[in-house]
Amino acid sequence: RTSAGNFVARGLFNNHSKILVRLYSWDE
């Protein structure tokens, strides 16, 4: 989400990786 709380995309989270979220879907 944006800083205003708006939807951007759906992704998969990984706190271990430098890439914190990988994005796959831009459809809420």
PDB file of all heavy atoms in Angstrom:
ATOM      1  N   ARG A   1       0.832  -1.198   0.000  1.00  0.00           N
ATOM      2  CA  ARG A   1       0.000   0.000   0.000  1.00  0.00           C
ATOM      3  C   ARG A   1       0.873   1.257   0.000  1.00  0.00           C
ATOM      4  O   ARG A   1       2.016   1.245   0.461  1.00  0.00           O
ATOM      5  CB  ARG A   1      -0.914   0.024   1.223  1.00  0.00           C
ATOM      6  CG  ARG A   1      -1.899  -1.138   1.254  1.00  0.00           C
ATOM      7  CD  ARG A   1      -2.925  -0.979   2.374  1.00  0.00           C
ATOM      8  NE  ARG A   1      -3.833  -2.112   2.430  1.00  0.00           N
ATOM      9  CZ  ARG A   1      -4.911  -2.272   1.666  1.00  0.00           C
ATOM     10  NH1 ARG A   1      -5.219  -1.342   0.767  1.00  0.00           N
ATOM     11  NH2 ARG A   1      -5.690  -3.336   1.786  1.00  0.00           N
ATOM     12  N   THR A   2       0.320   2.339  -0.521  1.00  0.00           N
ATOM     13  CA  THR A   2       0.994   3.641  -0.464  1.00  0.00           C
ATOM     14  C   THR A   2       0.975   4.152   0.978  1.00  0.00           C
ATOM     15  O   THR A   2       0.295   3.602   1.848  1.00  0.00           O
ATOM     16  CB  THR A   2       0.287   4.667  -1.351  1.00  0.00           C
ATOM     17  OG1 THR A   2      -1.008   4.936  -0.799  1.00  0.00           O
ATOM     18  CG2 THR A   2       0.149   4.159  -2.783  1.00  0.00           C
ATOM     19  N   SER A   3       1.688   5.235   1.216  1.00  0.00           N
ATOM     20  CA  SER A   3       1.706   5.838   2.551  1.00  0.00           C
ATOM     21  C   SER A   3       0.317   6.319   2.956  1.00  0.00           C
ATOM     22  O   SER A   3       0.014   6.440   4.148  1.00  0.00           O
ATOM     23  CB  SER A   3       2.705   6.995   2.592  1.00  0.00           C
ATOM     24  OG  SER A   3       2.377   7.972   1.610  1.00  0.00           O
ATOM     25  N   ALA A   4      -0.545   6.563   1.960  1.00  0.00           N
ATOM     26  CA  ALA A   4      -1.924   6.979   2.238  1.00  0.00           C
ATOM     27  C   ALA A   4      -2.859   5.796   2.414  1.00  0.00           C
ATOM     28  O   ALA A   4      -4.063   5.972   2.661  1.00  0.00           O
ATOM     29  CB  ALA A   4      -2.434   7.882   1.116  1.00  0.00           C
ATOM     30  N   GLY A   5      -2.339   4.590   2.257  1.00  0.00           N
ATOM     31  CA  GLY A   5      -3.152   3.397   2.463  1.00  0.00           C
ATOM     32  C   GLY A   5      -3.805   2.843   1.214  1.00  0.00           C
ATOM     33  O   GLY A   5      -4.594   1.893   1.281  1.00  0.00           O
ATOM     34  N   ASN A   6      -3.491   3.380   0.041  1.00  0.00           N
ATOM     35  CA  ASN A   6      -4.100   2.908  -1.202  1.00  0.00           C
ATOM     36  C   ASN A   6      -3.435   1.623  -1.694  1.00  0.00           C
ATOM     37  O   ASN A   6      -2.220   1.452  -1.570  1.00  0.00           O
ATOM     38  CB  ASN A   6      -3.999   3.983  -2.285  1.00  0.00           C
ATOM     39  CG  ASN A   6      -4.748   5.243  -1.908  1.00  0.00           C
ATOM     40  OD1 ASN A   6      -5.866   5.180  -1.388  1.00  0.00           O
ATOM     41  ND2 ASN A   6      -4.144   6.396  -2.143  1.00  0.00           N
ATOM     42  N   PHE A   7      -4.228   0.763  -2.296  1.00  0.00           N
ATOM     43  CA  PHE A   7      -3.724  -0.510  -2.825  1.00  0.00           C
ATOM     44  C   PHE A   7      -2.748  -0.281  -3.979  1.00  0.00           C
ATOM     45  O   PHE A   7      -3.001   0.540  -4.863  1.00  0.00           O
ATOM     46  CB  PHE A   7      -4.892  -1.374  -3.305  1.00  0.00           C
ATOM     47  CG  PHE A   7      -4.464  -2.642  -4.004  1.00  0.00           C
ATOM     48  CD1 PHE A   7      -4.160  -3.780  -3.282  1.00  0.00           C
ATOM     49  CD2 PHE A   7      -4.356  -2.680  -5.392  1.00  0.00           C
ATOM     50  CE1 PHE A   7      -3.756  -4.940  -3.929  1.00  0.00           C
ATOM     51  CE2 PHE A   7      -3.960  -3.838  -6.045  1.00  0.00           C
ATOM     52  CZ  PHE A   7      -3.658  -4.974  -5.306  1.00  0.00           C
ATOM     53  N   VAL A   8      -1.648  -1.009  -3.968  1.00  0.00           N
ATOM     54  CA  VAL A   8      -0.698  -0.997  -5.088  1.00  0.00           C
ATOM     55  C   VAL A   8      -0.655  -2.366  -5.746  1.00  0.00           C
ATOM     56  O   VAL A   8      -0.870  -2.493  -6.952  1.00  0.00           O
ATOM     57  CB  VAL A   8       0.719  -0.587  -4.629  1.00  0.00           C
ATOM     58  CG1 VAL A   8       1.677  -0.588  -5.831  1.00  0.00           C
ATOM     59  CG2 VAL A   8       0.714   0.775  -3.971  1.00  0.00           C
ATOM     60  N   ALA A   9      -0.366  -3.404  -4.974  1.00  0.00           N
ATOM     61  CA  ALA A   9      -0.183  -4.732  -5.561  1.00  0.00           C
ATOM     62  C   ALA A   9      -0.214  -5.789  -4.468  1.00  0.00           C
ATOM     63  O   ALA A   9      -0.141  -5.496  -3.269  1.00  0.00           O
ATOM     64  CB  ALA A   9       1.139  -4.795  -6.325  1.00  0.00           C
ATOM     65  N   ARG A  10      -0.295  -7.039  -4.914  1.00  0.00           N
ATOM     66  CA  ARG A  10      -0.174  -8.186  -4.013  1.00  0.00           C
ATOM     67  C   ARG A  10       1.184  -8.843  -4.238  1.00  0.00           C
ATOM     68  O   ARG A  10       1.647  -8.960  -5.381  1.00  0.00           O
ATOM     69  CB  ARG A  10      -1.279  -9.208  -4.263  1.00  0.00           C
ATOM     70  CG  ARG A  10      -2.669  -8.755  -3.822  1.00  0.00           C
ATOM     71  CD  ARG A  10      -3.712  -9.816  -4.111  1.00  0.00           C
ATOM     72  NE  ARG A  10      -5.034  -9.420  -3.635  1.00  0.00           N
ATOM     73  CZ  ARG A  10      -5.507  -9.708  -2.427  1.00  0.00           C
ATOM     74  NH1 ARG A  10      -4.758 -10.411  -1.577  1.00  0.00           N
ATOM     75  NH2 ARG A  10      -6.720  -9.325  -2.058  1.00  0.00           N
ATOM     76  N   GLY A  11       1.805  -9.270  -3.144  1.00  0.00           N
ATOM     77  CA  GLY A  11       3.108  -9.893  -3.267  1.00  0.00           C
ATOM     78  C   GLY A  11       3.360 -10.908  -2.181  1.00  0.00           C
ATOM     79  O   GLY A  11       2.483 -11.192  -1.359  1.00  0.00           O
ATOM     80  N   LEU A  12       4.573 -11.462  -2.190  1.00  0.00           N
ATOM     81  CA  LEU A  12       4.990 -12.441  -1.190  1.00  0.00           C
ATOM     82  C   LEU A  12       6.118 -11.843  -0.361  1.00  0.00           C
ATOM     83  O   LEU A  12       7.078 -11.286  -0.907  1.00  0.00           O
ATOM     84  CB  LEU A  12       5.433 -13.744  -1.868  1.00  0.00           C
ATOM     85  CG  LEU A  12       4.344 -14.446  -2.698  1.00  0.00           C
ATOM     86  CD1 LEU A  12       4.909 -15.711  -3.344  1.00  0.00           C
ATOM     87  CD2 LEU A  12       3.115 -14.769  -1.856  1.00  0.00           C
ATOM     88  N   PHE A  13       5.999 -11.986   0.933  1.00  0.00           N
ATOM     89  CA  PHE A  13       6.860 -11.341   1.922  1.00  0.00           C
ATOM     90  C   PHE A  13       8.044 -12.239   2.275  1.00  0.00           C
ATOM     91  O   PHE A  13       7.912 -13.450   2.378  1.00  0.00           O
ATOM     92  CB  PHE A  13       6.021 -11.054   3.168  1.00  0.00           C
ATOM     93  CG  PHE A  13       6.724 -10.324   4.271  1.00  0.00           C
ATOM     94  CD1 PHE A  13       6.832  -8.941   4.244  1.00  0.00           C
ATOM     95  CD2 PHE A  13       7.260 -11.005   5.358  1.00  0.00           C
ATOM     96  CE1 PHE A  13       7.456  -8.247   5.271  1.00  0.00           C
ATOM     97  CE2 PHE A  13       7.884 -10.329   6.393  1.00  0.00           C
ATOM     98  CZ  PHE A  13       7.989  -8.949   6.356  1.00  0.00           C
ATOM     99  N   ASN A  14       9.205 -11.610   2.479  1.00  0.00           N
ATOM    100  CA  ASN A  14      10.373 -12.355   2.969  1.00  0.00           C
ATOM    101  C   ASN A  14      11.290 -11.403   3.724  1.00  0.00           C
ATOM    102  O   ASN A  14      12.072 -10.670   3.129  1.00  0.00           O
ATOM    103  CB  ASN A  14      11.131 -13.027   1.817  1.00  0.00           C
ATOM    104  CG  ASN A  14      12.248 -13.931   2.316  1.00  0.00           C
ATOM    105  OD1 ASN A  14      12.456 -14.078   3.521  1.00  0.00           O
ATOM    106  ND2 ASN A  14      12.960 -14.550   1.394  1.00  0.00           N
ATOM    107  N   ASN A  15      11.196 -11.439   5.026  1.00  0.00           N
ATOM    108  CA  ASN A  15      11.991 -10.544   5.868  1.00  0.00           C
ATOM    109  C   ASN A  15      13.469 -10.918   5.849  1.00  0.00           C
ATOM    110  O   ASN A  15      14.323 -10.116   6.224  1.00  0.00           O
ATOM    111  CB  ASN A  15      11.460 -10.582   7.306  1.00  0.00           C
ATOM    112  CG  ASN A  15      12.001  -9.460   8.155  1.00  0.00           C
ATOM    113  OD1 ASN A  15      11.923  -8.298   7.776  1.00  0.00           O
ATOM    114  ND2 ASN A  15      12.575  -9.801   9.299  1.00  0.00           N
ATOM    115  N   HIS A  16      13.786 -12.130   5.376  1.00  0.00           N
ATOM    116  CA  HIS A  16      15.182 -12.587   5.332  1.00  0.00           C
ATOM    117  C   HIS A  16      15.928 -11.999   4.134  1.00  0.00           C
ATOM    118  O   HIS A  16      17.145 -11.898   4.146  1.00  0.00           O
ATOM    119  CB  HIS A  16      15.211 -14.122   5.262  1.00  0.00           C
ATOM    120  CG  HIS A  16      16.573 -14.706   5.371  1.00  0.00           C
ATOM    121  ND1 HIS A  16      17.123 -15.104   6.574  1.00  0.00           N
ATOM    122  CD2 HIS A  16      17.519 -14.944   4.430  1.00  0.00           C
ATOM    123  CE1 HIS A  16      18.345 -15.571   6.359  1.00  0.00           C
ATOM    124  NE2 HIS A  16      18.601 -15.490   5.072  1.00  0.00           N
ATOM    125  N   SER A  17      15.171 -11.617   3.102  1.00  0.00           N
ATOM    126  CA  SER A  17      15.757 -11.194   1.831  1.00  0.00           C
ATOM    127  C   SER A  17      15.889  -9.680   1.750  1.00  0.00           C
ATOM    128  O   SER A  17      15.138  -8.928   2.377  1.00  0.00           O
ATOM    129  CB  SER A  17      14.884 -11.690   0.675  1.00  0.00           C
ATOM    130  OG  SER A  17      15.326 -11.186  -0.563  1.00  0.00           O
ATOM    131  N   LYS A  18      16.857  -9.217   0.927  1.00  0.00           N
ATOM    132  CA  LYS A  18      16.951  -7.789   0.636  1.00  0.00           C
ATOM    133  C   LYS A  18      15.710  -7.317  -0.104  1.00  0.00           C
ATOM    134  O   LYS A  18      15.305  -6.157   0.006  1.00  0.00           O
ATOM    135  CB  LYS A  18      18.201  -7.501  -0.193  1.00  0.00           C
ATOM    136  CG  LYS A  18      19.511  -7.673   0.573  1.00  0.00           C
ATOM    137  CD  LYS A  18      20.698  -7.343  -0.310  1.00  0.00           C
ATOM    138  CE  LYS A  18      22.006  -7.501   0.445  1.00  0.00           C
ATOM    139  NZ  LYS A  18      23.184  -7.222  -0.421  1.00  0.00           N
ATOM    140  N   ILE A  19      15.111  -8.209  -0.889  1.00  0.00           N
ATOM    141  CA  ILE A  19      13.833  -7.909  -1.541  1.00  0.00           C
ATOM    142  C   ILE A  19      12.742  -8.299  -0.554  1.00  0.00           C
ATOM    143  O   ILE A  19      12.387  -9.466  -0.428  1.00  0.00           O
ATOM    144  CB  ILE A  19      13.682  -8.671  -2.871  1.00  0.00           C
ATOM    145  CG1 ILE A  19      14.842  -8.341  -3.824  1.00  0.00           C
ATOM    146  CG2 ILE A  19      12.347  -8.319  -3.534  1.00  0.00           C
ATOM    147  CD1 ILE A  19      14.833  -9.155  -5.103  1.00  0.00           C
ATOM    148  N   LEU A  20      12.226  -7.314   0.167  1.00  0.00           N
ATOM    149  CA  LEU A  20      11.279  -7.591   1.242  1.00  0.00           C
ATOM    150  C   LEU A  20       9.978  -8.171   0.704  1.00  0.00           C
ATOM    151  O   LEU A  20       9.386  -9.076   1.305  1.00  0.00           O
ATOM    152  CB  LEU A  20      10.994  -6.307   2.021  1.00  0.00           C
ATOM    153  CG  LEU A  20      10.165  -6.465   3.296  1.00  0.00           C
ATOM    154  CD1 LEU A  20      10.928  -7.265   4.347  1.00  0.00           C
ATOM    155  CD2 LEU A  20       9.775  -5.092   3.860  1.00  0.00           C
ATOM    156  N   VAL A  21       9.517  -7.653  -0.449  1.00  0.00           N
ATOM    157  CA  VAL A  21       8.291  -8.149  -1.080  1.00  0.00           C
ATOM    158  C   VAL A  21       8.540  -8.302  -2.576  1.00  0.00           C
ATOM    159  O   VAL A  21       9.085  -7.398  -3.217  1.00  0.00           O
ATOM    160  CB  VAL A  21       7.099  -7.183  -0.864  1.00  0.00           C
ATOM    161  CG1 VAL A  21       5.825  -7.778  -1.457  1.00  0.00           C
ATOM    162  CG2 VAL A  21       6.916  -6.865   0.613  1.00  0.00           C
ATOM    163  N   ARG A  22       8.150  -9.442  -3.116  1.00  0.00           N
ATOM    164  CA  ARG A  22       8.130  -9.640  -4.570  1.00  0.00           C
ATOM    165  C   ARG A  22       6.672  -9.533  -5.016  1.00  0.00           C
ATOM    166  O   ARG A  22       5.799 -10.227  -4.469  1.00  0.00           O
ATOM    167  CB  ARG A  22       8.713 -10.995  -4.961  1.00  0.00           C
ATOM    168  CG  ARG A  22      10.217 -11.097  -4.719  1.00  0.00           C
ATOM    169  CD  ARG A  22      10.712 -12.493  -5.069  1.00  0.00           C
ATOM    170  NE  ARG A  22      12.106 -12.680  -4.688  1.00  0.00           N
ATOM    171  CZ  ARG A  22      13.137 -12.620  -5.525  1.00  0.00           C
ATOM    172  NH1 ARG A  22      12.923 -12.359  -6.810  1.00  0.00           N
ATOM    173  NH2 ARG A  22      14.364 -12.806  -5.101  1.00  0.00           N
ATOM    174  N   LEU A  23       6.418  -8.716  -6.017  1.00  0.00           N
ATOM    175  CA  LEU A  23       5.053  -8.430  -6.449  1.00  0.00           C
ATOM    176  C   LEU A  23       4.651  -9.312  -7.635  1.00  0.00           C
ATOM    177  O   LEU A  23       5.454  -9.575  -8.536  1.00  0.00           O
ATOM    178  CB  LEU A  23       4.928  -6.957  -6.840  1.00  0.00           C
ATOM    179  CG  LEU A  23       5.288  -5.945  -5.742  1.00  0.00           C
ATOM    180  CD1 LEU A  23       5.184  -4.533  -6.278  1.00  0.00           C
ATOM    181  CD2 LEU A  23       4.422  -6.137  -4.509  1.00  0.00           C
ATOM    182  N   TYR A  24       3.361  -9.717  -7.621  1.00  0.00           N
ATOM    183  CA  TYR A  24       2.863 -10.612  -8.668  1.00  0.00           C
ATOM    184  C   TYR A  24       1.518 -10.162  -9.251  1.00  0.00           C
ATOM    185  O   TYR A  24       1.250 -10.399 -10.418  1.00  0.00           O
ATOM    186  CB  TYR A  24       2.708 -12.032  -8.110  1.00  0.00           C
ATOM    187  CG  TYR A  24       4.015 -12.625  -7.634  1.00  0.00           C
ATOM    188  CD1 TYR A  24       4.407 -12.525  -6.307  1.00  0.00           C
ATOM    189  CD2 TYR A  24       4.878 -13.259  -8.522  1.00  0.00           C
ATOM    190  CE1 TYR A  24       5.606 -13.045  -5.870  1.00  0.00           C
ATOM    191  CE2 TYR A  24       6.089 -13.793  -8.097  1.00  0.00           C
ATOM    192  CZ  TYR A  24       6.451 -13.670  -6.762  1.00  0.00           C
ATOM    193  OH  TYR A  24       7.654 -14.181  -6.343  1.00  0.00           O
ATOM    194  N   SER A  25       0.672  -9.548  -8.451  1.00  0.00           N
ATOM    195  CA  SER A  25      -0.666  -9.173  -8.929  1.00  0.00           C
ATOM    196  C   SER A  25      -0.945  -7.716  -8.619  1.00  0.00           C
ATOM    197  O   SER A  25      -0.774  -7.271  -7.477  1.00  0.00           O
ATOM    198  CB  SER A  25      -1.730 -10.051  -8.250  1.00  0.00           C
ATOM    199  OG  SER A  25      -3.027  -9.580  -8.562  1.00  0.00           O
ATOM    200  N   TRP A  26      -1.403  -6.980  -9.642  1.00  0.00           N
ATOM    201  CA  TRP A  26      -1.775  -5.572  -9.466  1.00  0.00           C
ATOM    202  C   TRP A  26      -3.296  -5.414  -9.466  1.00  0.00           C
ATOM    203  O   TRP A  26      -3.817  -4.329  -9.637  1.00  0.00           O
ATOM    204  CB  TRP A  26      -1.116  -4.729 -10.551  1.00  0.00           C
ATOM    205  CG  TRP A  26       0.327  -4.481 -10.255  1.00  0.00           C
ATOM    206  CD1 TRP A  26       0.876  -3.355  -9.689  1.00  0.00           C
ATOM    207  CD2 TRP A  26       1.430  -5.379 -10.445  1.00  0.00           C
ATOM    208  NE1 TRP A  26       2.229  -3.505  -9.523  1.00  0.00           N
ATOM    209  CE2 TRP A  26       2.616  -4.735  -9.978  1.00  0.00           C
ATOM    210  CE3 TRP A  26       1.545  -6.673 -10.945  1.00  0.00           C
ATOM    211  CZ2 TRP A  26       3.857  -5.338 -10.015  1.00  0.00           C
ATOM    212  CZ3 TRP A  26       2.795  -7.278 -10.975  1.00  0.00           C
ATOM    213  CH2 TRP A  26       3.932  -6.619 -10.514  1.00  0.00           C
ATOM    214  N   ASP A  27      -3.977  -6.522  -9.262  1.00  0.00           N
ATOM    215  CA  ASP A  27      -5.445  -6.543  -9.187  1.00  0.00           C
ATOM    216  C   ASP A  27      -5.837  -6.913  -7.758  1.00  0.00           C
ATOM    217  O   ASP A  27      -5.581  -8.038  -7.306  1.00  0.00           O
ATOM    218  CB  ASP A  27      -5.998  -7.560 -10.183  1.00  0.00           C
ATOM    219  CG  ASP A  27      -7.515  -7.547 -10.278  1.00  0.00           C
ATOM    220  OD1 ASP A  27      -8.159  -7.044  -9.328  1.00  0.00           O
ATOM    221  OD2 ASP A  27      -8.053  -8.057 -11.273  1.00  0.00           O
ATOM    222  N   GLU A  28      -6.454  -5.979  -7.056  1.00  0.00           N
ATOM    223  CA  GLU A  28      -6.800  -6.215  -5.647  1.00  0.00           C
ATOM    224  C   GLU A  28      -7.751  -7.394  -5.496  1.00  0.00           C
ATOM    225  O   GLU A  28      -7.764  -8.070  -4.464  1.00  0.00           O
ATOM    226  CB  GLU A  28      -7.426  -4.953  -5.045  1.00  0.00           C
ATOM    227  CG  GLU A  28      -7.553  -5.003  -3.531  1.00  0.00           C
ATOM    228  CD  GLU A  28      -7.917  -3.653  -2.936  1.00  0.00           C
ATOM    229  OE1 GLU A  28      -8.186  -2.698  -3.707  1.00  0.00           O
ATOM    230  OE2 GLU A  28      -7.916  -3.551  -1.692  1.00  0.00           O
TER     231      GLU A  28
END
